[in-house]
Amino acid sequence: MFRHLFWDMGGTLVDTYPQLDATFADVVRRHGHDVEIPDVARLTRRSTGEAIATLSTRFGIEPTEFEQANAELKALWKKEPAPPVPGARDLLRDVAAAGGMNLVVTHRERGSAMGLLDGLGLTVDDLISTADGHPRKPDPQMYRVMLERHGLDPAECLGVGDRPIDATAAHAAGINAAVLESPEAPVDDDAEYSVAHLDELRPLLGL
C-alpha cells in the first residue's frame, strides 16, 4: 500500500485536455481539414509540442498557429480555469485524512500553479516547479527533492501523472507510477498502474 501521492498537475489534477484537444482540432478545421478529437488526444497525451509538430506536418499548417491558439487558451484559463479532474478533490482530501501527503510536481510556473489550485479549491501539502530551478521531467530531480524535503520512503509513494515522462521521472527517483489515461487516448508507458479514473487508485492507498 502507498501513503503519499506525487501529483502531476495539468491533465492529472486539472482537466485541461478536453479544451486543449478541441482547440487544436479547431485550428485544423479552420483550414478545411477533418480531424477527430481522439486522434488529437493521442498526440497531446504524449506532449503538447509533439501534437503541434505532428498536426502541423500532417495538415500543412504553420506551427505558430497552434502555438498561438495554445497561448490564447492558457490566457483564458487565468480567468476561467479548467475544472478539476473527476475524483481529484475527494482523493486529495481522503489521502490527507489518512495521514498521507499530496505533493505536486509540475512544469507550471509556481505562482500560476498555486493560484490555479487555490481557485479550484484543491489543497496540497507542497508544490515544486521547474520555475524553482529544476530540470523538466523525465529528469527525476523534482521528485528526489520532494522525497528529501519531507523525509519520505519512496516505497510509500506513488507518482500519478498522465504522460510517459511522469512515470519515467518517478521510476528514476525509486517511486512506483500510475498513469491516468482514457481508452480513447491510451499512452505507451512503463507505469505499474494504468487507470481511467482516479478512484481506481483508492485500493492502492487503502481507501
N, C-alpha and C. Protein backbone atom coordinates (compact mmCIF):
# COMPACT_ATOMS: atom_id res chain seq x y z
N MET A 1 0.84 -1.20 0.00
CA MET A 1 0.00 0.00 0.00
C MET A 1 0.88 1.25 0.00
N PHE A 2 0.37 2.29 -0.64
CA PHE A 2 1.06 3.57 -0.69
C PHE A 2 0.38 4.56 0.25
N ARG A 3 1.14 5.55 0.71
CA ARG A 3 0.58 6.56 1.62
C ARG A 3 0.56 7.95 0.99
N HIS A 4 1.59 8.25 0.18
CA HIS A 4 1.78 9.60 -0.32
C HIS A 4 1.68 9.63 -1.84
N LEU A 5 1.10 10.69 -2.36
CA LEU A 5 0.95 10.83 -3.81
C LEU A 5 1.77 12.01 -4.32
N PHE A 6 2.53 11.75 -5.38
CA PHE A 6 3.24 12.79 -6.11
C PHE A 6 2.42 13.07 -7.37
N TRP A 7 1.80 14.23 -7.42
CA TRP A 7 0.85 14.56 -8.48
C TRP A 7 1.49 15.39 -9.59
N ASP A 8 1.23 15.02 -10.83
CA ASP A 8 1.38 15.95 -11.93
C ASP A 8 0.17 16.89 -11.85
N MET A 9 0.19 17.96 -12.62
CA MET A 9 -0.90 18.93 -12.49
C MET A 9 -1.85 18.92 -13.70
N GLY A 10 -1.45 19.53 -14.81
CA GLY A 10 -2.33 19.57 -15.97
C GLY A 10 -2.61 18.18 -16.51
N GLY A 11 -3.88 17.83 -16.64
CA GLY A 11 -4.26 16.51 -17.14
C GLY A 11 -4.36 15.45 -16.08
N THR A 12 -3.91 15.77 -14.86
CA THR A 12 -3.94 14.81 -13.76
C THR A 12 -4.77 15.33 -12.60
N LEU A 13 -4.46 16.54 -12.14
CA LEU A 13 -5.30 17.21 -11.14
C LEU A 13 -6.31 18.14 -11.78
N VAL A 14 -5.89 18.78 -12.85
CA VAL A 14 -6.74 19.75 -13.56
C VAL A 14 -7.06 19.21 -14.94
N ASP A 15 -8.34 19.22 -15.30
CA ASP A 15 -8.81 18.56 -16.52
C ASP A 15 -8.63 19.45 -17.74
N THR A 16 -7.39 19.62 -18.17
CA THR A 16 -7.07 20.53 -19.27
C THR A 16 -7.24 19.93 -20.66
N TYR A 17 -7.21 18.63 -20.77
CA TYR A 17 -7.17 18.01 -22.09
C TYR A 17 -8.39 18.27 -22.98
N PRO A 18 -9.62 18.19 -22.47
CA PRO A 18 -10.76 18.40 -23.39
C PRO A 18 -10.68 19.72 -24.14
N GLN A 19 -10.33 20.81 -23.44
CA GLN A 19 -10.24 22.10 -24.10
C GLN A 19 -9.03 22.19 -25.02
N LEU A 20 -7.91 21.61 -24.61
CA LEU A 20 -6.72 21.63 -25.45
C LEU A 20 -6.95 20.86 -26.74
N ASP A 21 -7.53 19.67 -26.63
CA ASP A 21 -7.81 18.86 -27.82
C ASP A 21 -8.76 19.58 -28.77
N ALA A 22 -9.81 20.19 -28.21
CA ALA A 22 -10.77 20.90 -29.04
C ALA A 22 -10.14 22.11 -29.71
N THR A 23 -9.24 22.79 -29.00
CA THR A 23 -8.57 23.96 -29.55
C THR A 23 -7.71 23.60 -30.75
N PHE A 24 -6.92 22.53 -30.64
CA PHE A 24 -6.08 22.12 -31.76
C PHE A 24 -6.93 21.59 -32.92
N ALA A 25 -8.01 20.90 -32.61
CA ALA A 25 -8.89 20.42 -33.68
C ALA A 25 -9.52 21.58 -34.43
N ASP A 26 -9.85 22.64 -33.71
CA ASP A 26 -10.44 23.81 -34.35
C ASP A 26 -9.46 24.47 -35.32
N VAL A 27 -8.18 24.51 -34.94
CA VAL A 27 -7.17 25.07 -35.85
C VAL A 27 -7.15 24.28 -37.15
N VAL A 28 -7.16 22.96 -37.04
CA VAL A 28 -7.14 22.11 -38.24
C VAL A 28 -8.39 22.34 -39.08
N ARG A 29 -9.54 22.41 -38.44
CA ARG A 29 -10.80 22.55 -39.18
C ARG A 29 -10.94 23.90 -39.85
N ARG A 30 -10.34 24.91 -39.26
CA ARG A 30 -10.38 26.24 -39.88
C ARG A 30 -9.67 26.24 -41.23
N HIS A 31 -8.79 25.29 -41.42
CA HIS A 31 -8.08 25.16 -42.69
C HIS A 31 -8.77 24.18 -43.64
N GLY A 32 -9.97 23.77 -43.30
CA GLY A 32 -10.76 22.93 -44.18
C GLY A 32 -10.48 21.45 -44.11
N HIS A 33 -9.77 21.01 -43.06
CA HIS A 33 -9.46 19.59 -42.91
C HIS A 33 -10.35 18.97 -41.83
N ASP A 34 -10.51 17.67 -41.92
CA ASP A 34 -11.25 16.92 -40.91
C ASP A 34 -10.26 16.23 -39.98
N VAL A 35 -10.53 16.29 -38.69
CA VAL A 35 -9.72 15.57 -37.71
C VAL A 35 -10.62 15.20 -36.54
N GLU A 36 -10.47 13.99 -36.05
CA GLU A 36 -11.27 13.52 -34.93
C GLU A 36 -10.56 13.86 -33.62
N ILE A 37 -11.37 14.21 -32.62
CA ILE A 37 -10.81 14.56 -31.31
C ILE A 37 -9.93 13.44 -30.74
N PRO A 38 -10.33 12.16 -30.82
CA PRO A 38 -9.44 11.11 -30.30
C PRO A 38 -8.08 11.08 -30.98
N ASP A 39 -8.03 11.46 -32.27
CA ASP A 39 -6.75 11.50 -32.97
C ASP A 39 -5.85 12.59 -32.39
N VAL A 40 -6.45 13.74 -32.08
CA VAL A 40 -5.70 14.82 -31.45
C VAL A 40 -5.28 14.41 -30.04
N ALA A 41 -6.20 13.77 -29.33
CA ALA A 41 -5.95 13.39 -27.94
C ALA A 41 -4.76 12.44 -27.83
N ARG A 42 -4.62 11.53 -28.75
CA ARG A 42 -3.50 10.59 -28.69
C ARG A 42 -2.16 11.31 -28.83
N LEU A 43 -2.17 12.46 -29.48
CA LEU A 43 -0.95 13.24 -29.64
C LEU A 43 -0.67 14.11 -28.41
N THR A 44 -1.70 14.79 -27.91
CA THR A 44 -1.48 15.67 -26.77
C THR A 44 -1.10 14.89 -25.52
N ARG A 45 -1.51 13.62 -25.42
CA ARG A 45 -1.12 12.81 -24.26
C ARG A 45 0.37 12.50 -24.27
N ARG A 46 0.98 12.59 -25.44
CA ARG A 46 2.43 12.43 -25.49
C ARG A 46 3.08 13.74 -25.03
N SER A 47 2.77 14.82 -25.71
CA SER A 47 3.20 16.15 -25.30
C SER A 47 2.54 17.17 -26.20
N THR A 48 2.40 18.39 -25.68
CA THR A 48 1.82 19.46 -26.49
C THR A 48 2.71 19.76 -27.68
N GLY A 49 4.03 19.76 -27.47
CA GLY A 49 4.95 20.03 -28.56
C GLY A 49 4.87 19.00 -29.67
N GLU A 50 4.74 17.73 -29.27
CA GLU A 50 4.63 16.66 -30.27
C GLU A 50 3.33 16.79 -31.05
N ALA A 51 2.26 17.15 -30.36
CA ALA A 51 0.98 17.33 -31.03
C ALA A 51 1.06 18.45 -32.07
N ILE A 52 1.68 19.56 -31.69
CA ILE A 52 1.81 20.68 -32.62
C ILE A 52 2.65 20.28 -33.82
N ALA A 53 3.77 19.64 -33.59
CA ALA A 53 4.65 19.25 -34.69
C ALA A 53 3.96 18.28 -35.63
N THR A 54 3.27 17.30 -35.08
CA THR A 54 2.62 16.27 -35.91
C THR A 54 1.46 16.86 -36.71
N LEU A 55 0.60 17.63 -36.05
CA LEU A 55 -0.55 18.22 -36.74
C LEU A 55 -0.10 19.23 -37.79
N SER A 56 0.94 19.98 -37.49
CA SER A 56 1.47 20.95 -38.45
C SER A 56 1.94 20.26 -39.71
N THR A 57 2.70 19.18 -39.55
CA THR A 57 3.22 18.44 -40.70
C THR A 57 2.11 17.74 -41.46
N ARG A 58 1.21 17.11 -40.74
CA ARG A 58 0.15 16.33 -41.37
C ARG A 58 -0.77 17.19 -42.23
N PHE A 59 -1.09 18.39 -41.75
CA PHE A 59 -2.08 19.20 -42.43
C PHE A 59 -1.51 20.45 -43.09
N GLY A 60 -0.19 20.61 -43.07
CA GLY A 60 0.42 21.73 -43.74
C GLY A 60 0.07 23.08 -43.12
N ILE A 61 -0.01 23.12 -41.81
CA ILE A 61 -0.36 24.33 -41.08
C ILE A 61 0.85 24.80 -40.29
N GLU A 62 1.11 26.09 -40.30
CA GLU A 62 2.27 26.62 -39.57
C GLU A 62 2.15 26.31 -38.07
N PRO A 63 3.23 25.83 -37.46
CA PRO A 63 3.20 25.55 -36.02
C PRO A 63 2.78 26.75 -35.19
N THR A 64 3.10 27.95 -35.67
CA THR A 64 2.78 29.15 -34.91
C THR A 64 1.28 29.31 -34.70
N GLU A 65 0.47 28.76 -35.60
CA GLU A 65 -0.99 28.86 -35.42
C GLU A 65 -1.45 28.03 -34.22
N PHE A 66 -0.88 26.85 -34.06
CA PHE A 66 -1.20 26.02 -32.90
C PHE A 66 -0.65 26.65 -31.62
N GLU A 67 0.56 27.19 -31.73
CA GLU A 67 1.18 27.82 -30.55
C GLU A 67 0.37 29.02 -30.09
N GLN A 68 -0.13 29.81 -31.04
CA GLN A 68 -0.94 30.98 -30.69
C GLN A 68 -2.25 30.54 -30.05
N ALA A 69 -2.87 29.51 -30.62
CA ALA A 69 -4.13 29.01 -30.05
C ALA A 69 -3.91 28.48 -28.64
N ASN A 70 -2.78 27.81 -28.42
CA ASN A 70 -2.45 27.29 -27.10
C ASN A 70 -2.23 28.44 -26.12
N ALA A 71 -1.54 29.49 -26.56
CA ALA A 71 -1.30 30.66 -25.70
C ALA A 71 -2.62 31.34 -25.33
N GLU A 72 -3.53 31.43 -26.28
CA GLU A 72 -4.83 32.05 -26.01
C GLU A 72 -5.65 31.22 -25.02
N LEU A 73 -5.53 29.90 -25.13
CA LEU A 73 -6.23 29.02 -24.19
C LEU A 73 -5.67 29.20 -22.78
N LYS A 74 -4.37 29.28 -22.66
CA LYS A 74 -3.76 29.48 -21.35
C LYS A 74 -4.17 30.81 -20.75
N ALA A 75 -4.28 31.83 -21.58
CA ALA A 75 -4.75 33.14 -21.10
C ALA A 75 -6.19 33.05 -20.61
N LEU A 76 -7.01 32.28 -21.32
CA LEU A 76 -8.40 32.08 -20.90
C LEU A 76 -8.46 31.38 -19.56
N TRP A 77 -7.58 30.39 -19.35
CA TRP A 77 -7.59 29.64 -18.10
C TRP A 77 -7.28 30.51 -16.89
N LYS A 78 -6.58 31.64 -17.10
CA LYS A 78 -6.30 32.53 -15.98
C LYS A 78 -7.59 33.16 -15.45
N LYS A 79 -8.56 33.33 -16.34
CA LYS A 79 -9.85 33.92 -15.95
C LYS A 79 -10.89 32.84 -15.67
N GLU A 80 -10.85 31.79 -16.47
CA GLU A 80 -11.83 30.70 -16.36
C GLU A 80 -11.08 29.37 -16.34
N PRO A 81 -10.59 28.95 -15.18
CA PRO A 81 -9.76 27.73 -15.11
C PRO A 81 -10.51 26.49 -15.58
N ALA A 82 -9.74 25.56 -16.14
CA ALA A 82 -10.30 24.24 -16.42
C ALA A 82 -10.70 23.59 -15.09
N PRO A 83 -11.69 22.71 -15.09
CA PRO A 83 -12.15 22.11 -13.84
C PRO A 83 -11.19 21.06 -13.30
N PRO A 84 -11.34 20.67 -12.04
CA PRO A 84 -10.54 19.55 -11.52
C PRO A 84 -10.88 18.27 -12.26
N VAL A 85 -9.93 17.38 -12.35
CA VAL A 85 -10.19 16.04 -12.88
C VAL A 85 -11.20 15.35 -11.96
N PRO A 86 -12.18 14.65 -12.51
CA PRO A 86 -13.16 13.97 -11.66
C PRO A 86 -12.49 13.09 -10.60
N GLY A 87 -12.91 13.27 -9.37
CA GLY A 87 -12.38 12.48 -8.27
C GLY A 87 -11.17 13.08 -7.58
N ALA A 88 -10.57 14.12 -8.18
CA ALA A 88 -9.33 14.67 -7.63
C ALA A 88 -9.54 15.29 -6.25
N ARG A 89 -10.56 16.12 -6.12
CA ARG A 89 -10.76 16.82 -4.85
C ARG A 89 -10.99 15.84 -3.70
N ASP A 90 -11.81 14.84 -3.93
CA ASP A 90 -12.11 13.87 -2.88
C ASP A 90 -10.89 13.02 -2.54
N LEU A 91 -10.11 12.65 -3.55
CA LEU A 91 -8.94 11.83 -3.28
C LEU A 91 -7.88 12.61 -2.51
N LEU A 92 -7.68 13.87 -2.87
CA LEU A 92 -6.76 14.72 -2.10
C LEU A 92 -7.17 14.75 -0.63
N ARG A 93 -8.45 14.97 -0.40
CA ARG A 93 -8.97 15.06 0.97
C ARG A 93 -8.77 13.76 1.72
N ASP A 94 -9.06 12.64 1.08
CA ASP A 94 -9.01 11.36 1.78
C ASP A 94 -7.58 10.90 2.04
N VAL A 95 -6.67 11.21 1.14
CA VAL A 95 -5.25 10.90 1.37
C VAL A 95 -4.77 11.67 2.60
N ALA A 96 -5.11 12.96 2.66
CA ALA A 96 -4.70 13.78 3.80
C ALA A 96 -5.32 13.27 5.10
N ALA A 97 -6.59 12.88 5.05
CA ALA A 97 -7.27 12.39 6.25
C ALA A 97 -6.64 11.10 6.76
N ALA A 98 -6.06 10.31 5.85
CA ALA A 98 -5.42 9.05 6.24
C ALA A 98 -3.97 9.26 6.69
N GLY A 99 -3.51 10.51 6.73
CA GLY A 99 -2.16 10.79 7.18
C GLY A 99 -1.12 10.85 6.08
N GLY A 100 -1.56 10.80 4.83
CA GLY A 100 -0.63 10.87 3.71
C GLY A 100 -0.42 12.29 3.25
N MET A 101 0.52 12.45 2.32
CA MET A 101 0.82 13.77 1.77
C MET A 101 0.46 13.81 0.30
N ASN A 102 -0.01 14.99 -0.14
CA ASN A 102 -0.28 15.26 -1.54
C ASN A 102 0.75 16.29 -2.01
N LEU A 103 1.63 15.86 -2.92
CA LEU A 103 2.75 16.68 -3.36
C LEU A 103 2.68 16.87 -4.86
N VAL A 104 2.74 18.11 -5.32
CA VAL A 104 2.62 18.41 -6.74
C VAL A 104 3.99 18.65 -7.35
N VAL A 105 4.24 17.99 -8.47
CA VAL A 105 5.50 18.11 -9.22
C VAL A 105 5.11 18.57 -10.62
N THR A 106 5.40 19.83 -10.96
CA THR A 106 4.83 20.40 -12.17
C THR A 106 5.82 21.23 -12.97
N HIS A 107 5.54 21.36 -14.27
CA HIS A 107 6.30 22.26 -15.13
C HIS A 107 5.71 23.67 -15.09
N ARG A 108 4.52 23.81 -14.53
CA ARG A 108 3.85 25.11 -14.49
C ARG A 108 4.56 26.06 -13.53
N GLU A 109 4.59 27.33 -13.87
CA GLU A 109 5.20 28.34 -13.01
C GLU A 109 4.52 28.34 -11.65
N ARG A 110 5.30 28.49 -10.58
CA ARG A 110 4.80 28.31 -9.22
C ARG A 110 3.59 29.19 -8.89
N GLY A 111 3.69 30.48 -9.16
CA GLY A 111 2.59 31.38 -8.83
C GLY A 111 1.32 31.00 -9.56
N SER A 112 1.46 30.67 -10.84
CA SER A 112 0.31 30.26 -11.63
C SER A 112 -0.29 28.96 -11.09
N ALA A 113 0.59 28.02 -10.74
CA ALA A 113 0.12 26.72 -10.24
C ALA A 113 -0.63 26.88 -8.92
N MET A 114 -0.06 27.63 -7.99
CA MET A 114 -0.71 27.81 -6.70
C MET A 114 -2.02 28.58 -6.84
N GLY A 115 -2.03 29.58 -7.72
CA GLY A 115 -3.26 30.33 -7.95
C GLY A 115 -4.36 29.45 -8.51
N LEU A 116 -3.98 28.55 -9.42
CA LEU A 116 -4.96 27.65 -10.02
C LEU A 116 -5.51 26.68 -8.98
N LEU A 117 -4.62 26.10 -8.18
CA LEU A 117 -5.08 25.16 -7.15
C LEU A 117 -6.00 25.85 -6.16
N ASP A 118 -5.62 27.05 -5.73
CA ASP A 118 -6.46 27.79 -4.79
C ASP A 118 -7.81 28.12 -5.40
N GLY A 119 -7.80 28.54 -6.67
CA GLY A 119 -9.04 28.89 -7.34
C GLY A 119 -9.99 27.72 -7.49
N LEU A 120 -9.43 26.52 -7.62
CA LEU A 120 -10.25 25.32 -7.77
C LEU A 120 -10.55 24.65 -6.44
N GLY A 121 -10.00 25.19 -5.35
CA GLY A 121 -10.24 24.60 -4.04
C GLY A 121 -9.55 23.26 -3.85
N LEU A 122 -8.38 23.10 -4.47
CA LEU A 122 -7.61 21.86 -4.34
C LEU A 122 -6.47 22.11 -3.34
N THR A 123 -6.47 21.37 -2.25
CA THR A 123 -5.49 21.57 -1.19
C THR A 123 -4.39 20.53 -1.26
N VAL A 124 -3.13 21.01 -1.33
CA VAL A 124 -1.98 20.11 -1.37
C VAL A 124 -1.01 20.51 -0.25
N ASP A 125 -0.09 19.58 0.05
CA ASP A 125 0.87 19.83 1.12
C ASP A 125 2.10 20.60 0.66
N ASP A 126 2.48 20.40 -0.60
CA ASP A 126 3.67 21.09 -1.10
C ASP A 126 3.63 21.03 -2.62
N LEU A 127 4.36 21.96 -3.23
CA LEU A 127 4.43 22.01 -4.69
C LEU A 127 5.85 22.39 -5.09
N ILE A 128 6.36 21.72 -6.09
CA ILE A 128 7.68 22.03 -6.64
C ILE A 128 7.52 22.20 -8.15
N SER A 129 8.26 23.17 -8.68
CA SER A 129 8.09 23.56 -10.08
C SER A 129 9.44 23.68 -10.76
N THR A 130 9.45 23.54 -12.07
CA THR A 130 10.67 23.81 -12.82
C THR A 130 11.08 25.27 -12.67
N ALA A 131 10.11 26.14 -12.34
CA ALA A 131 10.44 27.55 -12.11
C ALA A 131 11.32 27.73 -10.87
N ASP A 132 11.40 26.70 -10.02
CA ASP A 132 12.28 26.75 -8.86
C ASP A 132 13.73 26.45 -9.22
N GLY A 133 13.97 26.23 -10.51
CA GLY A 133 15.33 25.98 -10.97
C GLY A 133 15.64 24.52 -11.25
N HIS A 134 14.62 23.68 -11.30
CA HIS A 134 14.82 22.25 -11.52
C HIS A 134 14.59 21.90 -12.99
N PRO A 135 15.26 20.87 -13.50
CA PRO A 135 15.04 20.44 -14.88
C PRO A 135 13.66 19.81 -15.06
N ARG A 136 13.20 19.81 -16.28
CA ARG A 136 11.90 19.26 -16.61
C ARG A 136 11.92 17.74 -16.54
N LYS A 137 10.77 17.15 -16.33
CA LYS A 137 10.63 15.70 -16.44
C LYS A 137 10.98 15.31 -17.89
N PRO A 138 11.55 14.15 -18.12
CA PRO A 138 11.65 12.98 -17.23
C PRO A 138 12.81 13.00 -16.25
N ASP A 139 13.53 14.11 -16.14
CA ASP A 139 14.54 14.19 -15.10
C ASP A 139 13.87 14.03 -13.74
N PRO A 140 14.43 13.22 -12.84
CA PRO A 140 13.76 12.93 -11.56
C PRO A 140 14.08 13.90 -10.43
N GLN A 141 14.81 14.98 -10.72
CA GLN A 141 15.30 15.83 -9.64
C GLN A 141 14.18 16.36 -8.74
N MET A 142 13.07 16.81 -9.33
CA MET A 142 12.00 17.37 -8.50
C MET A 142 11.42 16.33 -7.55
N TYR A 143 11.34 15.09 -8.00
CA TYR A 143 10.84 14.01 -7.14
C TYR A 143 11.83 13.75 -6.00
N ARG A 144 13.10 13.73 -6.34
CA ARG A 144 14.11 13.47 -5.31
C ARG A 144 14.15 14.57 -4.27
N VAL A 145 14.00 15.82 -4.72
CA VAL A 145 13.98 16.94 -3.77
C VAL A 145 12.79 16.81 -2.83
N MET A 146 11.64 16.44 -3.35
CA MET A 146 10.45 16.27 -2.50
C MET A 146 10.65 15.15 -1.49
N LEU A 147 11.22 14.05 -1.93
CA LEU A 147 11.47 12.94 -1.02
C LEU A 147 12.37 13.38 0.14
N GLU A 148 13.44 14.08 -0.20
CA GLU A 148 14.37 14.52 0.83
C GLU A 148 13.75 15.58 1.73
N ARG A 149 13.03 16.52 1.13
CA ARG A 149 12.44 17.62 1.89
C ARG A 149 11.50 17.12 2.98
N HIS A 150 10.75 16.06 2.67
CA HIS A 150 9.74 15.57 3.60
C HIS A 150 10.14 14.26 4.28
N GLY A 151 11.36 13.79 4.01
CA GLY A 151 11.84 12.57 4.65
C GLY A 151 10.99 11.36 4.36
N LEU A 152 10.60 11.20 3.11
CA LEU A 152 9.68 10.13 2.73
C LEU A 152 10.42 8.89 2.23
N ASP A 153 9.83 7.74 2.49
CA ASP A 153 10.31 6.47 1.95
C ASP A 153 9.71 6.30 0.55
N PRO A 154 10.53 6.19 -0.50
CA PRO A 154 9.99 6.03 -1.85
C PRO A 154 9.01 4.87 -1.98
N ALA A 155 9.19 3.83 -1.16
CA ALA A 155 8.30 2.66 -1.24
C ALA A 155 6.88 3.00 -0.81
N GLU A 156 6.71 4.10 -0.07
CA GLU A 156 5.38 4.51 0.39
C GLU A 156 4.75 5.56 -0.52
N CYS A 157 5.43 5.86 -1.63
CA CYS A 157 4.98 6.94 -2.51
C CYS A 157 4.54 6.39 -3.87
N LEU A 158 3.59 7.08 -4.45
CA LEU A 158 3.11 6.73 -5.79
C LEU A 158 3.06 7.99 -6.63
N GLY A 159 3.74 7.97 -7.78
CA GLY A 159 3.67 9.09 -8.70
C GLY A 159 2.47 8.95 -9.61
N VAL A 160 1.66 10.00 -9.70
CA VAL A 160 0.44 9.98 -10.51
C VAL A 160 0.57 11.03 -11.61
N GLY A 161 0.47 10.60 -12.86
CA GLY A 161 0.58 11.52 -13.98
C GLY A 161 -0.28 11.06 -15.14
N ASP A 162 -0.10 11.71 -16.26
CA ASP A 162 -0.91 11.37 -17.43
C ASP A 162 -0.06 11.16 -18.68
N ARG A 163 1.28 11.28 -18.53
CA ARG A 163 2.16 11.13 -19.67
C ARG A 163 3.32 10.19 -19.33
N PRO A 164 3.93 9.59 -20.34
CA PRO A 164 5.05 8.68 -20.07
C PRO A 164 6.17 9.33 -19.27
N ILE A 165 6.42 10.63 -19.48
CA ILE A 165 7.51 11.28 -18.76
C ILE A 165 7.27 11.30 -17.25
N ASP A 166 6.00 11.30 -16.85
CA ASP A 166 5.70 11.29 -15.41
C ASP A 166 6.15 9.96 -14.79
N ALA A 167 5.85 8.87 -15.48
CA ALA A 167 6.25 7.56 -14.98
C ALA A 167 7.76 7.40 -15.01
N THR A 168 8.40 7.87 -16.07
CA THR A 168 9.85 7.75 -16.19
C THR A 168 10.55 8.51 -15.06
N ALA A 169 10.09 9.72 -14.78
CA ALA A 169 10.71 10.53 -13.72
C ALA A 169 10.51 9.89 -12.36
N ALA A 170 9.29 9.40 -12.10
CA ALA A 170 9.02 8.76 -10.82
C ALA A 170 9.91 7.53 -10.62
N HIS A 171 10.02 6.71 -11.65
CA HIS A 171 10.83 5.49 -11.56
C HIS A 171 12.30 5.81 -11.28
N ALA A 172 12.80 6.87 -11.92
CA ALA A 172 14.20 7.23 -11.72
C ALA A 172 14.47 7.70 -10.30
N ALA A 173 13.40 8.10 -9.59
CA ALA A 173 13.53 8.50 -8.18
C ALA A 173 13.18 7.35 -7.25
N GLY A 174 12.94 6.15 -7.81
CA GLY A 174 12.63 4.99 -6.99
C GLY A 174 11.18 4.89 -6.56
N ILE A 175 10.29 5.59 -7.28
CA ILE A 175 8.87 5.65 -6.92
C ILE A 175 8.05 4.89 -7.97
N ASN A 176 7.10 4.10 -7.53
CA ASN A 176 6.17 3.46 -8.46
C ASN A 176 5.28 4.52 -9.11
N ALA A 177 4.69 4.17 -10.25
CA ALA A 177 3.93 5.15 -11.01
C ALA A 177 2.57 4.62 -11.45
N ALA A 178 1.63 5.55 -11.52
CA ALA A 178 0.31 5.28 -12.08
C ALA A 178 0.04 6.34 -13.14
N VAL A 179 -0.52 5.93 -14.27
CA VAL A 179 -0.84 6.86 -15.35
C VAL A 179 -2.34 6.90 -15.55
N LEU A 180 -2.89 8.11 -15.54
CA LEU A 180 -4.31 8.33 -15.78
C LEU A 180 -4.51 8.48 -17.28
N GLU A 181 -5.27 7.59 -17.88
CA GLU A 181 -5.49 7.65 -19.32
C GLU A 181 -6.89 7.20 -19.66
N SER A 182 -7.36 7.65 -20.82
CA SER A 182 -8.68 7.26 -21.29
C SER A 182 -8.54 6.18 -22.34
N PRO A 183 -9.55 5.31 -22.48
CA PRO A 183 -9.49 4.27 -23.52
C PRO A 183 -9.35 4.86 -24.92
N GLU A 184 -9.88 6.08 -25.11
CA GLU A 184 -9.83 6.71 -26.43
C GLU A 184 -8.44 7.24 -26.76
N ALA A 185 -7.62 7.47 -25.73
CA ALA A 185 -6.29 8.02 -25.97
C ALA A 185 -5.26 7.34 -25.08
N PRO A 186 -5.04 6.04 -25.27
CA PRO A 186 -4.06 5.33 -24.43
C PRO A 186 -2.65 5.83 -24.70
N VAL A 187 -1.81 5.71 -23.68
CA VAL A 187 -0.41 6.11 -23.84
C VAL A 187 0.48 4.90 -23.61
N ASP A 188 1.63 4.91 -24.26
CA ASP A 188 2.60 3.82 -24.13
C ASP A 188 3.61 4.22 -23.07
N ASP A 189 3.55 3.60 -21.91
CA ASP A 189 4.44 3.97 -20.82
C ASP A 189 4.80 2.71 -20.04
N ASP A 190 5.67 2.89 -19.03
CA ASP A 190 6.09 1.74 -18.24
C ASP A 190 5.60 1.83 -16.80
N ALA A 191 4.49 2.53 -16.59
CA ALA A 191 3.91 2.65 -15.25
C ALA A 191 3.39 1.31 -14.76
N GLU A 192 3.46 1.10 -13.45
CA GLU A 192 2.93 -0.14 -12.86
C GLU A 192 1.41 -0.20 -12.93
N TYR A 193 0.77 0.97 -12.92
CA TYR A 193 -0.69 1.02 -12.87
C TYR A 193 -1.21 1.97 -13.95
N SER A 194 -2.28 1.55 -14.61
CA SER A 194 -2.97 2.39 -15.58
C SER A 194 -4.42 2.48 -15.15
N VAL A 195 -4.93 3.71 -15.01
CA VAL A 195 -6.29 3.89 -14.51
C VAL A 195 -7.05 4.85 -15.42
N ALA A 196 -8.34 4.64 -15.52
CA ALA A 196 -9.20 5.53 -16.30
C ALA A 196 -9.87 6.57 -15.42
N HIS A 197 -9.87 6.34 -14.11
CA HIS A 197 -10.47 7.27 -13.15
C HIS A 197 -9.63 7.25 -11.89
N LEU A 198 -9.50 8.41 -11.25
CA LEU A 198 -8.67 8.49 -10.05
C LEU A 198 -9.16 7.60 -8.92
N ASP A 199 -10.43 7.29 -8.90
CA ASP A 199 -10.95 6.41 -7.85
C ASP A 199 -10.31 5.03 -7.88
N GLU A 200 -9.78 4.65 -9.04
CA GLU A 200 -9.14 3.35 -9.15
C GLU A 200 -7.84 3.27 -8.36
N LEU A 201 -7.35 4.40 -7.90
CA LEU A 201 -6.15 4.42 -7.07
C LEU A 201 -6.46 4.10 -5.60
N ARG A 202 -7.70 4.21 -5.22
CA ARG A 202 -8.07 4.07 -3.81
C ARG A 202 -7.62 2.74 -3.20
N PRO A 203 -7.81 1.60 -3.87
CA PRO A 203 -7.35 0.35 -3.26
C PRO A 203 -5.84 0.31 -3.02
N LEU A 204 -5.08 1.04 -3.85
CA LEU A 204 -3.63 1.08 -3.67
C LEU A 204 -3.24 1.89 -2.44
N LEU A 205 -4.18 2.69 -1.94
CA LEU A 205 -3.92 3.57 -0.80
C LEU A 205 -4.68 3.11 0.44
N GLY A 206 -5.38 1.99 0.32
CA GLY A 206 -6.16 1.50 1.45
C GLY A 206 -7.36 2.38 1.77
N LEU A 207 -7.90 3.06 0.77
CA LEU A 207 -9.01 3.99 0.98
C LEU A 207 -10.32 3.39 0.49
